Amino acid sequence: MTTGHSIDYRATGDGDEEASLVEVTRPLPPKHRSAGSPITAIRETAETKSSGQLEEHGGGVTLFVDCSSFPDDDWLAIAGERPEVRHRPAVVFRLRPSGHVEAYRKGGLPLKLGDAVEWIDG
C-alpha cells in the first residue's frame, strides 16, 4: 500500500464485482488484557486498527474482527449487544472448531459470503 501499511487480503469474486480489501484483527479475550469486558476488548482493538492503519489507508477496507478465541460467555455478550466497532464496513465473527461461523455486520458489506456465515444481526 502507498501508506506504508499492509492490508491482509484482497478479495475478488467470480464475477464482475470489484476487488475488496480486507483487514483482520484478533482481539485478545478480556481475561488476557486490561479490558474489563468483551465489548471493550473488541472496541479497543478495532479502534486501534481504525485510527491508525485503516485511517492512513483512506477507506475502502472491510474490517473483520475475529472473536474465535473468546469463551462462550464473552461471545454471547458480544452477539447479544452487537456493538459498534468504530469502522464501517465491519464484520464481527466467531469461528468454531466445527467450522460454524456466527457474525454480525456494520455497514454495507461489499463481499458476498453466502452460506459461509450465520448472520445474527437480526
Protein backbone atom coordinates (compact mmCIF):
# COMPACT_ATOMS: atom_id res chain seq x y z
CA MET A 1 0.00 0.00 0.00
CA THR A 2 1.21 3.52 -0.67
CA THR A 3 0.64 4.45 3.00
CA GLY A 4 3.35 2.08 4.20
CA HIS A 5 0.72 -0.10 5.87
CA SER A 6 -0.06 -3.53 4.53
CA ILE A 7 -3.62 -4.83 4.29
CA ASP A 8 -4.23 -8.53 4.96
CA TYR A 9 -6.25 -9.58 1.89
CA ARG A 10 -7.52 -8.52 -1.50
CA ALA A 11 -10.73 -10.48 -2.06
CA THR A 12 -12.15 -10.95 -5.52
CA GLY A 13 -15.40 -12.52 -6.62
CA ASP A 14 -16.09 -14.79 -9.51
CA GLY A 15 -17.98 -12.17 -11.49
CA ASP A 16 -17.62 -8.54 -12.46
CA GLU A 17 -17.51 -7.32 -8.88
CA GLU A 18 -14.66 -5.07 -7.85
CA ALA A 19 -11.94 -6.43 -5.56
CA SER A 20 -12.35 -5.69 -1.84
CA LEU A 21 -9.61 -5.04 0.66
CA VAL A 22 -9.91 -6.93 3.95
CA GLU A 23 -8.13 -6.39 7.24
CA VAL A 24 -8.49 -8.96 10.03
CA THR A 25 -7.88 -8.15 13.67
CA ARG A 26 -7.90 -10.65 16.51
CA PRO A 27 -8.55 -9.09 19.91
CA LEU A 28 -7.45 -10.98 22.99
CA PRO A 29 -10.27 -12.04 25.31
CA PRO A 30 -10.69 -9.82 28.41
CA LYS A 31 -9.04 -12.37 30.70
CA HIS A 32 -5.77 -11.81 28.78
CA ARG A 33 -5.82 -7.99 28.70
CA SER A 34 -6.76 -4.93 30.71
CA ALA A 35 -10.15 -4.53 29.02
CA GLY A 36 -12.89 -5.10 31.56
CA SER A 37 -15.39 -6.65 29.17
CA PRO A 38 -15.51 -8.46 25.83
CA ILE A 39 -17.23 -5.46 24.25
CA THR A 40 -14.44 -3.16 25.42
CA ALA A 41 -11.89 -5.64 24.08
CA ILE A 42 -13.30 -5.62 20.54
CA ARG A 43 -13.90 -1.86 20.54
CA GLU A 44 -10.36 -1.06 21.70
CA THR A 45 -8.79 -3.40 19.17
CA ALA A 46 -10.93 -2.11 16.31
CA GLU A 47 -10.26 1.50 17.35
CA THR A 48 -6.51 0.89 17.21
CA LYS A 49 -6.81 -0.51 13.68
CA SER A 50 -9.27 2.16 12.52
CA SER A 51 -7.46 5.20 13.88
CA GLY A 52 -4.09 4.00 12.64
CA GLN A 53 -3.66 1.63 9.76
CA LEU A 54 -7.13 1.91 8.20
CA GLU A 55 -7.35 5.70 8.59
CA GLU A 56 -3.95 6.08 6.94
CA HIS A 57 -5.13 3.91 4.06
CA GLY A 58 -8.02 6.31 3.43
CA GLY A 59 -11.02 3.98 3.36
CA GLY A 60 -12.27 1.15 1.23
CA VAL A 61 -11.21 -1.61 3.64
CA THR A 62 -13.58 -4.06 5.31
CA LEU A 63 -12.56 -4.82 8.88
CA PHE A 64 -13.10 -8.37 10.16
CA VAL A 65 -12.93 -8.70 13.96
CA ASP A 66 -12.13 -12.32 14.80
CA CYS A 67 -13.51 -13.32 18.21
CA SER A 68 -12.78 -17.03 17.79
CA SER A 69 -10.58 -17.11 20.90
CA PHE A 70 -13.33 -15.68 23.13
CA PRO A 71 -15.06 -18.07 25.54
CA ASP A 72 -18.78 -18.74 25.10
CA ASP A 73 -19.92 -16.21 27.74
CA ASP A 74 -17.86 -13.42 26.19
CA TRP A 75 -19.12 -14.20 22.69
CA LEU A 76 -22.73 -14.34 23.90
CA ALA A 77 -22.34 -10.84 25.39
CA ILE A 78 -20.95 -9.52 22.10
CA ALA A 79 -23.56 -11.30 19.97
CA GLY A 80 -26.36 -10.09 22.23
CA GLU A 81 -25.36 -6.43 22.07
CA ARG A 82 -23.76 -6.34 18.59
CA PRO A 83 -21.74 -3.25 19.49
CA GLU A 84 -20.31 -0.71 17.09
CA VAL A 85 -16.63 -1.16 16.36
CA ARG A 86 -15.99 2.37 15.05
CA HIS A 87 -15.34 1.26 11.50
CA ARG A 88 -17.61 0.51 8.54
CA PRO A 89 -17.90 -1.84 6.86
CA ALA A 90 -17.08 -4.35 9.56
CA VAL A 91 -17.83 -7.98 10.36
CA VAL A 92 -17.51 -9.25 13.91
CA PHE A 93 -17.37 -13.04 13.90
CA ARG A 94 -16.59 -16.21 15.79
CA LEU A 95 -15.42 -19.40 14.09
CA ARG A 96 -15.87 -22.67 15.99
CA PRO A 97 -13.75 -25.81 15.54
CA SER A 98 -16.76 -27.43 13.83
CA GLY A 99 -16.47 -24.82 11.05
CA HIS A 100 -19.65 -22.99 12.13
CA VAL A 101 -19.33 -19.20 11.87
CA GLU A 102 -21.61 -16.67 13.57
CA ALA A 103 -21.26 -13.00 12.74
CA TYR A 104 -22.86 -9.60 12.63
CA ARG A 105 -22.06 -6.76 10.28
CA LYS A 106 -21.95 -3.00 10.48
CA GLY A 107 -22.33 -1.02 7.29
CA GLY A 108 -22.77 -2.22 3.73
CA LEU A 109 -20.64 -5.28 3.24
CA PRO A 110 -19.02 -5.33 -0.24
CA LEU A 111 -18.34 -9.08 -0.05
CA LYS A 112 -20.71 -11.96 -0.68
CA LEU A 113 -20.19 -14.62 1.96
CA GLY A 114 -23.14 -16.83 1.00
CA ASP A 115 -23.83 -19.71 3.35
CA ALA A 116 -20.40 -19.49 5.00
CA VAL A 117 -21.79 -17.34 7.82
CA GLU A 118 -24.82 -17.46 10.09
CA TRP A 119 -25.77 -13.77 10.41
CA ILE A 120 -27.02 -12.73 13.83
CA ASP A 121 -27.68 -9.09 13.01
CA GLY A 122 -31.42 -9.55 13.13
